[in-house]
Amino acid sequence: MAAPYPASSTNPVPPPADAATIRACLTPRVAAEFDAEWELALDRAKSSHDLTEVFELLHKWRHLAHAEQLSPGTYFSLLAKTEQITSTGQNPAAASLEDMQALIRRRLGR
């Protein structure tokens, strides 16, 4: 079993993109979600002889694992927010297009 990958101010980057290290960063409940996706990606890779989906899964989950380490519960909050937006078609917490364009202009110094 891989040792937990420490998330701290001295290590502000996601863990390496390998399954054991990613899984070691997760709580048992989130690890079960990872395991389900991992098995599906491996099965598809076996059938297609293409590892692209496996690499994409590892890339996605290394960032989710890091977010979970920094703020436990992030994964399930993200799923709940996705469900809310999908079911209502709206994101009440979203900024307006005009606000986002103004922010971009400010950051670009325009």
PDB file of N, CA and C in Angstrom:
ATOM      1  N   MET A   1       0.844  -1.179   0.000  1.00  0.00           N
ATOM      2  CA  MET A   1       0.000   0.000   0.000  1.00  0.00           C
ATOM      3  C   MET A   1       0.884   1.234   0.000  1.00  0.00           C
ATOM      4  N   ALA A   2       0.559   2.211  -0.807  1.00  0.00           N
ATOM      5  CA  ALA A   2       1.338   3.437  -0.888  1.00  0.00           C
ATOM      6  C   ALA A   2       1.124   4.285   0.351  1.00  0.00           C
ATOM      7  N   ALA A   3       2.172   4.983   0.726  1.00  0.00           N
ATOM      8  CA  ALA A   3       2.058   5.901   1.856  1.00  0.00           C
ATOM      9  C   ALA A   3       1.227   7.101   1.424  1.00  0.00           C
ATOM     10  N   PRO A   4       0.443   7.684   2.336  1.00  0.00           N
ATOM     11  CA  PRO A   4      -0.332   8.864   1.970  1.00  0.00           C
ATOM     12  C   PRO A   4       0.572   9.964   1.437  1.00  0.00           C
ATOM     13  N   TYR A   5       0.105  10.624   0.440  1.00  0.00           N
ATOM     14  CA  TYR A   5       0.837  11.737  -0.161  1.00  0.00           C
ATOM     15  C   TYR A   5       0.455  12.978   0.610  1.00  0.00           C
ATOM     16  N   PRO A   6       1.382  13.596   1.331  1.00  0.00           N
ATOM     17  CA  PRO A   6       1.016  14.714   2.202  1.00  0.00           C
ATOM     18  C   PRO A   6       0.598  15.958   1.427  1.00  0.00           C
ATOM     19  N   ALA A   7      -0.527  16.525   1.802  1.00  0.00           N
ATOM     20  CA  ALA A   7      -0.974  17.796   1.229  1.00  0.00           C
ATOM     21  C   ALA A   7      -0.703  18.858   2.277  1.00  0.00           C
ATOM     22  N   SER A   8       0.084  19.819   1.934  1.00  0.00           N
ATOM     23  CA  SER A   8       0.401  20.883   2.878  1.00  0.00           C
ATOM     24  C   SER A   8       0.859  22.102   2.107  1.00  0.00           C
ATOM     25  N   SER A   9       1.121  23.167   2.845  1.00  0.00           N
ATOM     26  CA  SER A   9       1.592  24.376   2.181  1.00  0.00           C
ATOM     27  C   SER A   9       2.968  24.150   1.564  1.00  0.00           C
ATOM     28  N   THR A  10       3.722  23.155   2.057  1.00  0.00           N
ATOM     29  CA  THR A  10       5.020  22.855   1.471  1.00  0.00           C
ATOM     30  C   THR A  10       4.890  21.911   0.280  1.00  0.00           C
ATOM     31  N   ASN A  11       3.722  21.340   0.091  1.00  0.00           N
ATOM     32  CA  ASN A  11       3.465  20.442  -1.027  1.00  0.00           C
ATOM     33  C   ASN A  11       2.140  20.818  -1.684  1.00  0.00           C
ATOM     34  N   PRO A  12       2.104  21.963  -2.364  1.00  0.00           N
ATOM     35  CA  PRO A  12       0.832  22.456  -2.912  1.00  0.00           C
ATOM     36  C   PRO A  12       0.451  21.871  -4.260  1.00  0.00           C
ATOM     37  N   VAL A  13       1.024  20.747  -4.621  1.00  0.00           N
ATOM     38  CA  VAL A  13       0.722  20.148  -5.920  1.00  0.00           C
ATOM     39  C   VAL A  13       0.025  18.811  -5.735  1.00  0.00           C
ATOM     40  N   PRO A  14      -0.731  18.391  -6.737  1.00  0.00           N
ATOM     41  CA  PRO A  14      -1.394  17.085  -6.665  1.00  0.00           C
ATOM     42  C   PRO A  14      -0.381  15.943  -6.605  1.00  0.00           C
ATOM     43  N   PRO A  15      -0.824  14.777  -6.146  1.00  0.00           N
ATOM     44  CA  PRO A  15       0.070  13.623  -6.102  1.00  0.00           C
ATOM     45  C   PRO A  15       0.419  13.155  -7.508  1.00  0.00           C
ATOM     46  N   PRO A  16       1.420  12.303  -7.623  1.00  0.00           N
ATOM     47  CA  PRO A  16       1.750  11.743  -8.936  1.00  0.00           C
ATOM     48  C   PRO A  16       0.555  10.978  -9.515  1.00  0.00           C
ATOM     49  N   ALA A  17       0.540  10.838 -10.819  1.00  0.00           N
ATOM     50  CA  ALA A  17      -0.577  10.175 -11.503  1.00  0.00           C
ATOM     51  C   ALA A  17      -0.379   8.664 -11.514  1.00  0.00           C
ATOM     52  N   ASP A  18      -0.365   8.060 -10.326  1.00  0.00           N
ATOM     53  CA  ASP A  18      -0.352   6.605 -10.253  1.00  0.00           C
ATOM     54  C   ASP A  18      -1.453   6.173  -9.293  1.00  0.00           C
ATOM     55  N   ALA A  19      -2.083   5.072  -9.622  1.00  0.00           N
ATOM     56  CA  ALA A  19      -3.296   4.648  -8.924  1.00  0.00           C
ATOM     57  C   ALA A  19      -3.087   4.441  -7.428  1.00  0.00           C
ATOM     58  N   ALA A  20      -2.002   3.812  -7.029  1.00  0.00           N
ATOM     59  CA  ALA A  20      -1.781   3.521  -5.606  1.00  0.00           C
ATOM     60  C   ALA A  20      -1.619   4.795  -4.787  1.00  0.00           C
ATOM     61  N   THR A  21      -0.877   5.752  -5.303  1.00  0.00           N
ATOM     62  CA  THR A  21      -0.673   7.007  -4.574  1.00  0.00           C
ATOM     63  C   THR A  21      -1.968   7.807  -4.504  1.00  0.00           C
ATOM     64  N   ILE A  22      -2.691   7.868  -5.600  1.00  0.00           N
ATOM     65  CA  ILE A  22      -3.971   8.573  -5.610  1.00  0.00           C
ATOM     66  C   ILE A  22      -4.917   7.942  -4.601  1.00  0.00           C
ATOM     67  N   ARG A  23      -5.029   6.636  -4.646  1.00  0.00           N
ATOM     68  CA  ARG A  23      -5.957   5.933  -3.759  1.00  0.00           C
ATOM     69  C   ARG A  23      -5.597   6.143  -2.288  1.00  0.00           C
ATOM     70  N   ALA A  24      -4.306   6.206  -1.984  1.00  0.00           N
ATOM     71  CA  ALA A  24      -3.858   6.407  -0.606  1.00  0.00           C
ATOM     72  C   ALA A  24      -4.254   7.783  -0.067  1.00  0.00           C
ATOM     73  N   CYS A  25      -4.562   8.709  -0.951  1.00  0.00           N
ATOM     74  CA  CYS A  25      -4.965  10.063  -0.551  1.00  0.00           C
ATOM     75  C   CYS A  25      -6.452  10.160  -0.216  1.00  0.00           C
ATOM     76  N   LEU A  26      -7.213   9.124  -0.532  1.00  0.00           N
ATOM     77  CA  LEU A  26      -8.669   9.194  -0.462  1.00  0.00           C
ATOM     78  C   LEU A  26      -9.228   8.531   0.793  1.00  0.00           C
ATOM     79  N   THR A  27     -10.382   9.026   1.224  1.00  0.00           N
ATOM     80  CA  THR A  27     -11.116   8.370   2.293  1.00  0.00           C
ATOM     81  C   THR A  27     -11.709   7.084   1.716  1.00  0.00           C
ATOM     82  N   PRO A  28     -12.088   6.133   2.553  1.00  0.00           N
ATOM     83  CA  PRO A  28     -12.644   4.872   2.023  1.00  0.00           C
ATOM     84  C   PRO A  28     -13.840   5.080   1.098  1.00  0.00           C
ATOM     85  N   ARG A  29     -14.698   6.013   1.415  1.00  0.00           N
ATOM     86  CA  ARG A  29     -15.885   6.253   0.591  1.00  0.00           C
ATOM     87  C   ARG A  29     -15.515   6.800  -0.791  1.00  0.00           C
ATOM     88  N   VAL A  30     -14.580   7.726  -0.820  1.00  0.00           N
ATOM     89  CA  VAL A  30     -14.154   8.291  -2.102  1.00  0.00           C
ATOM     90  C   VAL A  30     -13.293   7.275  -2.852  1.00  0.00           C
ATOM     91  N   ALA A  31     -12.507   6.499  -2.127  1.00  0.00           N
ATOM     92  CA  ALA A  31     -11.698   5.452  -2.759  1.00  0.00           C
ATOM     93  C   ALA A  31     -12.583   4.442  -3.485  1.00  0.00           C
ATOM     94  N   ALA A  32     -13.753   4.152  -2.935  1.00  0.00           N
ATOM     95  CA  ALA A  32     -14.684   3.235  -3.598  1.00  0.00           C
ATOM     96  C   ALA A  32     -15.132   3.811  -4.944  1.00  0.00           C
ATOM     97  N   GLU A  33     -15.346   5.110  -5.009  1.00  0.00           N
ATOM     98  CA  GLU A  33     -15.707   5.765  -6.278  1.00  0.00           C
ATOM     99  C   GLU A  33     -14.545   5.652  -7.270  1.00  0.00           C
ATOM    100  N   PHE A  34     -13.334   5.922  -6.773  1.00  0.00           N
ATOM    101  CA  PHE A  34     -12.142   5.793  -7.620  1.00  0.00           C
ATOM    102  C   PHE A  34     -12.017   4.367  -8.147  1.00  0.00           C
ATOM    103  N   ASP A  35     -12.168   3.384  -7.249  1.00  0.00           N
ATOM    104  CA  ASP A  35     -12.035   1.983  -7.640  1.00  0.00           C
ATOM    105  C   ASP A  35     -13.015   1.603  -8.750  1.00  0.00           C
ATOM    106  N   ALA A  36     -14.243   2.071  -8.643  1.00  0.00           N
ATOM    107  CA  ALA A  36     -15.250   1.756  -9.663  1.00  0.00           C
ATOM    108  C   ALA A  36     -14.841   2.334 -11.016  1.00  0.00           C
ATOM    109  N   GLU A  37     -14.395   3.577 -11.026  1.00  0.00           N
ATOM    110  CA  GLU A  37     -13.962   4.194 -12.283  1.00  0.00           C
ATOM    111  C   GLU A  37     -12.695   3.518 -12.811  1.00  0.00           C
ATOM    112  N   TRP A  38     -11.797   3.161 -11.913  1.00  0.00           N
ATOM    113  CA  TRP A  38     -10.544   2.511 -12.286  1.00  0.00           C
ATOM    114  C   TRP A  38     -10.824   1.176 -12.985  1.00  0.00           C
ATOM    115  N   GLU A  39     -11.692   0.371 -12.398  1.00  0.00           N
ATOM    116  CA  GLU A  39     -12.024  -0.922 -12.988  1.00  0.00           C
ATOM    117  C   GLU A  39     -12.657  -0.756 -14.365  1.00  0.00           C
ATOM    118  N   LEU A  40     -13.546   0.209 -14.500  1.00  0.00           N
ATOM    119  CA  LEU A  40     -14.184   0.457 -15.791  1.00  0.00           C
ATOM    120  C   LEU A  40     -13.152   0.881 -16.836  1.00  0.00           C
ATOM    121  N   ALA A  41     -12.253   1.785 -16.450  1.00  0.00           N
ATOM    122  CA  ALA A  41     -11.219   2.248 -17.383  1.00  0.00           C
ATOM    123  C   ALA A  41     -10.292   1.103 -17.786  1.00  0.00           C
ATOM    124  N   LEU A  42      -9.941   0.246 -16.834  1.00  0.00           N
ATOM    125  CA  LEU A  42      -9.082  -0.894 -17.152  1.00  0.00           C
ATOM    126  C   LEU A  42      -9.782  -1.869 -18.093  1.00  0.00           C
ATOM    127  N   ASP A  43     -11.058  -2.141 -17.842  1.00  0.00           N
ATOM    128  CA  ASP A  43     -11.813  -3.036 -18.726  1.00  0.00           C
ATOM    129  C   ASP A  43     -11.881  -2.484 -20.143  1.00  0.00           C
ATOM    130  N   ARG A  44     -12.122  -1.194 -20.256  1.00  0.00           N
ATOM    131  CA  ARG A  44     -12.192  -0.587 -21.594  1.00  0.00           C
ATOM    132  C   ARG A  44     -10.839  -0.621 -22.286  1.00  0.00           C
ATOM    133  N   ALA A  45      -9.771  -0.405 -21.502  1.00  0.00           N
ATOM    134  CA  ALA A  45      -8.427  -0.441 -22.078  1.00  0.00           C
ATOM    135  C   ALA A  45      -8.092  -1.848 -22.575  1.00  0.00           C
ATOM    136  N   LYS A  46      -8.521  -2.848 -21.838  1.00  0.00           N
ATOM    137  CA  LYS A  46      -8.286  -4.236 -22.276  1.00  0.00           C
ATOM    138  C   LYS A  46      -8.975  -4.505 -23.609  1.00  0.00           C
ATOM    139  N   SER A  47     -10.195  -4.024 -23.732  1.00  0.00           N
ATOM    140  CA  SER A  47     -10.968  -4.260 -24.956  1.00  0.00           C
ATOM    141  C   SER A  47     -10.431  -3.474 -26.144  1.00  0.00           C
ATOM    142  N   SER A  48     -10.052  -2.237 -25.889  1.00  0.00           N
ATOM    143  CA  SER A  48      -9.653  -1.354 -26.988  1.00  0.00           C
ATOM    144  C   SER A  48      -8.155  -1.372 -27.279  1.00  0.00           C
ATOM    145  N   HIS A  49      -7.371  -1.908 -26.347  1.00  0.00           N
ATOM    146  CA  HIS A  49      -5.909  -1.881 -26.461  1.00  0.00           C
ATOM    147  C   HIS A  49      -5.404  -0.444 -26.528  1.00  0.00           C
ATOM    148  N   ASP A  50      -6.092   0.448 -25.804  1.00  0.00           N
ATOM    149  CA  ASP A  50      -5.761   1.875 -25.788  1.00  0.00           C
ATOM    150  C   ASP A  50      -5.790   2.347 -24.339  1.00  0.00           C
ATOM    151  N   LEU A  51      -4.697   2.911 -23.870  1.00  0.00           N
ATOM    152  CA  LEU A  51      -4.591   3.353 -22.473  1.00  0.00           C
ATOM    153  C   LEU A  51      -5.009   4.813 -22.252  1.00  0.00           C
ATOM    154  N   THR A  52      -5.482   5.462 -23.282  1.00  0.00           N
ATOM    155  CA  THR A  52      -5.840   6.876 -23.162  1.00  0.00           C
ATOM    156  C   THR A  52      -6.812   7.128 -22.017  1.00  0.00           C
ATOM    157  N   GLU A  53      -7.851   6.325 -21.919  1.00  0.00           N
ATOM    158  CA  GLU A  53      -8.845   6.528 -20.862  1.00  0.00           C
ATOM    159  C   GLU A  53      -8.239   6.321 -19.468  1.00  0.00           C
ATOM    160  N   VAL A  54      -7.313   5.396 -19.339  1.00  0.00           N
ATOM    161  CA  VAL A  54      -6.644   5.161 -18.053  1.00  0.00           C
ATOM    162  C   VAL A  54      -5.832   6.399 -17.666  1.00  0.00           C
ATOM    163  N   PHE A  55      -5.075   6.941 -18.606  1.00  0.00           N
ATOM    164  CA  PHE A  55      -4.276   8.136 -18.323  1.00  0.00           C
ATOM    165  C   PHE A  55      -5.166   9.334 -17.979  1.00  0.00           C
ATOM    166  N   GLU A  56      -6.277   9.476 -18.697  1.00  0.00           N
ATOM    167  CA  GLU A  56      -7.206  10.571 -18.412  1.00  0.00           C
ATOM    168  C   GLU A  56      -7.803  10.432 -17.017  1.00  0.00           C
ATOM    169  N   LEU A  57      -8.149   9.201 -16.633  1.00  0.00           N
ATOM    170  CA  LEU A  57      -8.696   8.955 -15.301  1.00  0.00           C
ATOM    171  C   LEU A  57      -7.671   9.319 -14.228  1.00  0.00           C
ATOM    172  N   LEU A  58      -6.434   8.896 -14.406  1.00  0.00           N
ATOM    173  CA  LEU A  58      -5.391   9.212 -13.424  1.00  0.00           C
ATOM    174  C   LEU A  58      -5.173  10.725 -13.322  1.00  0.00           C
ATOM    175  N   HIS A  59      -5.186  11.397 -14.451  1.00  0.00           N
ATOM    176  CA  HIS A  59      -5.023  12.858 -14.445  1.00  0.00           C
ATOM    177  C   HIS A  59      -6.159  13.523 -13.673  1.00  0.00           C
ATOM    178  N   LYS A  60      -7.371  13.118 -13.960  1.00  0.00           N
ATOM    179  CA  LYS A  60      -8.539  13.683 -13.264  1.00  0.00           C
ATOM    180  C   LYS A  60      -8.469  13.408 -11.765  1.00  0.00           C
ATOM    181  N   TRP A  61      -8.227  12.153 -11.409  1.00  0.00           N
ATOM    182  CA  TRP A  61      -8.282  11.770 -10.004  1.00  0.00           C
ATOM    183  C   TRP A  61      -7.116  12.296  -9.181  1.00  0.00           C
ATOM    184  N   ARG A  62      -5.975  12.576  -9.791  1.00  0.00           N
ATOM    185  CA  ARG A  62      -4.880  13.142  -8.984  1.00  0.00           C
ATOM    186  C   ARG A  62      -5.298  14.517  -8.469  1.00  0.00           C
ATOM    187  N   HIS A  63      -6.038  15.264  -9.269  1.00  0.00           N
ATOM    188  CA  HIS A  63      -6.505  16.582  -8.843  1.00  0.00           C
ATOM    189  C   HIS A  63      -7.646  16.465  -7.825  1.00  0.00           C
ATOM    190  N   LEU A  64      -8.530  15.496  -8.041  1.00  0.00           N
ATOM    191  CA  LEU A  64      -9.597  15.279  -7.062  1.00  0.00           C
ATOM    192  C   LEU A  64      -9.024  14.814  -5.723  1.00  0.00           C
ATOM    193  N   ALA A  65      -8.013  13.957  -5.759  1.00  0.00           N
ATOM    194  CA  ALA A  65      -7.385  13.478  -4.522  1.00  0.00           C
ATOM    195  C   ALA A  65      -6.741  14.628  -3.769  1.00  0.00           C
ATOM    196  N   HIS A  66      -6.092  15.496  -4.492  1.00  0.00           N
ATOM    197  CA  HIS A  66      -5.450  16.652  -3.852  1.00  0.00           C
ATOM    198  C   HIS A  66      -6.506  17.575  -3.237  1.00  0.00           C
ATOM    199  N   ALA A  67      -7.582  17.811  -3.961  1.00  0.00           N
ATOM    200  CA  ALA A  67      -8.667  18.645  -3.432  1.00  0.00           C
ATOM    201  C   ALA A  67      -9.260  18.023  -2.174  1.00  0.00           C
ATOM    202  N   GLU A  68      -9.411  16.701  -2.173  1.00  0.00           N
ATOM    203  CA  GLU A  68      -9.938  15.999  -0.991  1.00  0.00           C
ATOM    204  C   GLU A  68      -9.006  16.139   0.200  1.00  0.00           C
ATOM    205  N   GLN A  69      -7.709  16.101  -0.054  1.00  0.00           N
ATOM    206  CA  GLN A  69      -6.753  16.252   1.038  1.00  0.00           C
ATOM    207  C   GLN A  69      -6.818  17.653   1.629  1.00  0.00           C
ATOM    208  N   LEU A  70      -6.941  18.642   0.779  1.00  0.00           N
ATOM    209  CA  LEU A  70      -6.978  20.030   1.243  1.00  0.00           C
ATOM    210  C   LEU A  70      -8.299  20.374   1.907  1.00  0.00           C
ATOM    211  N   SER A  71      -9.386  19.789   1.406  1.00  0.00           N
ATOM    212  CA  SER A  71     -10.718  20.085   1.932  1.00  0.00           C
ATOM    213  C   SER A  71     -11.576  18.827   1.835  1.00  0.00           C
ATOM    214  N   PRO A  72     -11.522  17.980   2.865  1.00  0.00           N
ATOM    215  CA  PRO A  72     -12.298  16.738   2.812  1.00  0.00           C
ATOM    216  C   PRO A  72     -13.773  17.006   2.529  1.00  0.00           C
ATOM    217  N   GLY A  73     -14.344  16.170   1.683  1.00  0.00           N
ATOM    218  CA  GLY A  73     -15.743  16.327   1.295  1.00  0.00           C
ATOM    219  C   GLY A  73     -15.921  17.017  -0.038  1.00  0.00           C
ATOM    220  N   THR A  74     -14.819  17.502  -0.616  1.00  0.00           N
ATOM    221  CA  THR A  74     -14.878  18.220  -1.886  1.00  0.00           C
ATOM    222  C   THR A  74     -15.498  17.377  -2.991  1.00  0.00           C
ATOM    223  N   TYR A  75     -15.136  16.105  -3.062  1.00  0.00           N
ATOM    224  CA  TYR A  75     -15.617  15.243  -4.145  1.00  0.00           C
ATOM    225  C   TYR A  75     -17.139  15.142  -4.131  1.00  0.00           C
ATOM    226  N   PHE A  76     -17.710  14.841  -2.970  1.00  0.00           N
ATOM    227  CA  PHE A  76     -19.160  14.677  -2.914  1.00  0.00           C
ATOM    228  C   PHE A  76     -19.882  16.027  -3.032  1.00  0.00           C
ATOM    229  N   SER A  77     -19.255  17.111  -2.607  1.00  0.00           N
ATOM    230  CA  SER A  77     -19.833  18.442  -2.827  1.00  0.00           C
ATOM    231  C   SER A  77     -19.889  18.753  -4.317  1.00  0.00           C
ATOM    232  N   LEU A  78     -18.828  18.377  -5.027  1.00  0.00           N
ATOM    233  CA  LEU A  78     -18.782  18.580  -6.476  1.00  0.00           C
ATOM    234  C   LEU A  78     -19.890  17.785  -7.168  1.00  0.00           C
ATOM    235  N   LEU A  79     -20.089  16.541  -6.736  1.00  0.00           N
ATOM    236  CA  LEU A  79     -21.169  15.733  -7.317  1.00  0.00           C
ATOM    237  C   LEU A  79     -22.539  16.347  -7.045  1.00  0.00           C
ATOM    238  N   ALA A  80     -22.742  16.846  -5.822  1.00  0.00           N
ATOM    239  CA  ALA A  80     -24.021  17.467  -5.476  1.00  0.00           C
ATOM    240  C   ALA A  80     -24.254  18.726  -6.305  1.00  0.00           C
ATOM    241  N   LYS A  81     -23.216  19.521  -6.486  1.00  0.00           N
ATOM    242  CA  LYS A  81     -23.339  20.744  -7.289  1.00  0.00           C
ATOM    243  C   LYS A  81     -23.640  20.393  -8.745  1.00  0.00           C
ATOM    244  N   THR A  82     -22.983  19.370  -9.255  1.00  0.00           N
ATOM    245  CA  THR A  82     -23.240  18.920 -10.624  1.00  0.00           C
ATOM    246  C   THR A  82     -24.690  18.481 -10.791  1.00  0.00           C
ATOM    247  N   GLU A  83     -25.184  17.725  -9.823  1.00  0.00           N
ATOM    248  CA  GLU A  83     -26.578  17.263  -9.862  1.00  0.00           C
ATOM    249  C   GLU A  83     -27.541  18.445  -9.841  1.00  0.00           C
ATOM    250  N   GLN A  84     -27.251  19.447  -9.001  1.00  0.00           N
ATOM    251  CA  GLN A  84     -28.104  20.629  -8.918  1.00  0.00           C
ATOM    252  C   GLN A  84     -28.154  21.370 -10.260  1.00  0.00           C
ATOM    253  N   ILE A  85     -27.008  21.576 -10.856  1.00  0.00           N
ATOM    254  CA  ILE A  85     -26.946  22.294 -12.135  1.00  0.00           C
ATOM    255  C   ILE A  85     -27.616  21.478 -13.240  1.00  0.00           C
ATOM    256  N   THR A  86     -27.386  20.173 -13.243  1.00  0.00           N
ATOM    257  CA  THR A  86     -27.974  19.311 -14.260  1.00  0.00           C
ATOM    258  C   THR A  86     -29.500  19.264 -14.147  1.00  0.00           C
ATOM    259  N   SER A  87     -29.991  19.162 -12.924  1.00  0.00           N
ATOM    260  CA  SER A  87     -31.440  19.017 -12.757  1.00  0.00           C
ATOM    261  C   SER A  87     -32.193  20.335 -12.938  1.00  0.00           C
ATOM    262  N   THR A  88     -31.573  21.461 -12.566  1.00  0.00           N
ATOM    263  CA  THR A  88     -32.265  22.749 -12.681  1.00  0.00           C
ATOM    264  C   THR A  88     -31.886  23.519 -13.937  1.00  0.00           C
ATOM    265  N   GLY A  89     -30.718  23.184 -14.497  1.00  0.00           N
ATOM    266  CA  GLY A  89     -30.238  23.934 -15.657  1.00  0.00           C
ATOM    267  C   GLY A  89     -29.653  25.277 -15.285  1.00  0.00           C
ATOM    268  N   GLN A  90     -29.479  25.506 -13.988  1.00  0.00           N
ATOM    269  CA  GLN A  90     -28.953  26.798 -13.529  1.00  0.00           C
ATOM    270  C   GLN A  90     -27.926  26.584 -12.433  1.00  0.00           C
ATOM    271  N   ASN A  91     -27.015  27.549 -12.324  1.00  0.00           N
ATOM    272  CA  ASN A  91     -26.034  27.564 -11.250  1.00  0.00           C
ATOM    273  C   ASN A  91     -26.200  28.888 -10.516  1.00  0.00           C
ATOM    274  N   PRO A  92     -26.942  28.887  -9.408  1.00  0.00           N
ATOM    275  CA  PRO A  92     -27.205  30.143  -8.708  1.00  0.00           C
ATOM    276  C   PRO A  92     -25.952  30.816  -8.158  1.00  0.00           C
ATOM    277  N   ALA A  93     -24.860  30.069  -7.996  1.00  0.00           N
ATOM    278  CA  ALA A  93     -23.630  30.654  -7.473  1.00  0.00           C
ATOM    279  C   ALA A  93     -22.720  31.194  -8.573  1.00  0.00           C
ATOM    280  N   ALA A  94     -23.114  31.028  -9.821  1.00  0.00           N
ATOM    281  CA  ALA A  94     -22.266  31.444 -10.938  1.00  0.00           C
ATOM    282  C   ALA A  94     -22.256  32.958 -11.091  1.00  0.00           C
ATOM    283  N   ALA A  95     -21.108  33.464 -11.501  1.00  0.00           N
ATOM    284  CA  ALA A  95     -20.988  34.892 -11.812  1.00  0.00           C
ATOM    285  C   ALA A  95     -21.547  35.127 -13.210  1.00  0.00           C
ATOM    286  N   SER A  96     -21.972  36.334 -13.457  1.00  0.00           N
ATOM    287  CA  SER A  96     -22.506  36.658 -14.782  1.00  0.00           C
ATOM    288  C   SER A  96     -21.364  36.741 -15.797  1.00  0.00           C
ATOM    289  N   LEU A  97     -21.706  36.607 -17.059  1.00  0.00           N
ATOM    290  CA  LEU A  97     -20.721  36.731 -18.121  1.00  0.00           C
ATOM    291  C   LEU A  97     -20.032  38.092 -18.055  1.00  0.00           C
ATOM    292  N   GLU A  98     -20.793  39.128 -17.807  1.00  0.00           N
ATOM    293  CA  GLU A  98     -20.231  40.470 -17.738  1.00  0.00           C
ATOM    294  C   GLU A  98     -19.222  40.590 -16.601  1.00  0.00           C
ATOM    295  N   ASP A  99     -19.542  40.001 -15.447  1.00  0.00           N
ATOM    296  CA  ASP A  99     -18.613  40.036 -14.315  1.00  0.00           C
ATOM    297  C   ASP A  99     -17.320  39.286 -14.644  1.00  0.00           C
ATOM    298  N   MET A 100     -17.452  38.154 -15.309  1.00  0.00           N
ATOM    299  CA  MET A 100     -16.266  37.375 -15.664  1.00  0.00           C
ATOM    300  C   MET A 100     -15.410  38.118 -16.690  1.00  0.00           C
ATOM    301  N   GLN A 101     -16.050  38.756 -17.660  1.00  0.00           N
ATOM    302  CA  GLN A 101     -15.296  39.524 -18.649  1.00  0.00           C
ATOM    303  C   GLN A 101     -14.581  40.702 -17.986  1.00  0.00           C
ATOM    304  N   ALA A 102     -15.231  41.367 -17.033  1.00  0.00           N
ATOM    305  CA  ALA A 102     -14.601  42.470 -16.311  1.00  0.00           C
ATOM    306  C   ALA A 102     -13.402  41.970 -15.505  1.00  0.00           C
ATOM    307  N   LEU A 103     -13.537  40.828 -14.875  1.00  0.00           N
ATOM    308  CA  LEU A 103     -12.436  40.242 -14.117  1.00  0.00           C
ATOM    309  C   LEU A 103     -11.250  39.934 -15.027  1.00  0.00           C
ATOM    310  N   ILE A 104     -11.523  39.380 -16.182  1.00  0.00           N
ATOM    311  CA  ILE A 104     -10.460  39.066 -17.144  1.00  0.00           C
ATOM    312  C   ILE A 104      -9.767  40.350 -17.590  1.00  0.00           C
ATOM    313  N   ARG A 105     -10.554  41.373 -17.886  1.00  0.00           N
ATOM    314  CA  ARG A 105      -9.962  42.650 -18.307  1.00  0.00           C
ATOM    315  C   ARG A 105      -9.074  43.223 -17.210  1.00  0.00           C
ATOM    316  N   ARG A 106      -9.524  43.156 -15.959  1.00  0.00           N
ATOM    317  CA  ARG A 106      -8.731  43.669 -14.835  1.00  0.00           C
ATOM    318  C   ARG A 106      -7.421  42.894 -14.718  1.00  0.00           C
ATOM    319  N   ARG A 107      -7.499  41.577 -14.832  1.00  0.00           N
ATOM    320  CA  ARG A 107      -6.296  40.759 -14.712  1.00  0.00           C
ATOM    321  C   ARG A 107      -5.329  40.989 -15.854  1.00  0.00           C
ATOM    322  N   LEU A 108      -5.854  41.337 -17.019  1.00  0.00           N
ATOM    323  CA  LEU A 108      -5.006  41.637 -18.160  1.00  0.00           C
ATOM    324  C   LEU A 108      -4.537  43.092 -18.171  1.00  0.00           C
ATOM    325  N   GLY A 109      -5.036  43.870 -17.207  1.00  0.00           N
ATOM    326  CA  GLY A 109      -4.631  45.282 -17.125  1.00  0.00           C
ATOM    327  C   GLY A 109      -5.249  46.163 -18.176  1.00  0.00           C
ATOM    328  N   ARG A 110      -6.461  45.814 -18.612  1.00  0.00           N
ATOM    329  CA  ARG A 110      -7.136  46.597 -19.655  1.00  0.00           C
ATOM    330  C   ARG A 110      -8.211  47.451 -19.062  1.00  0.00           C
TER     331      ARG A 110
END
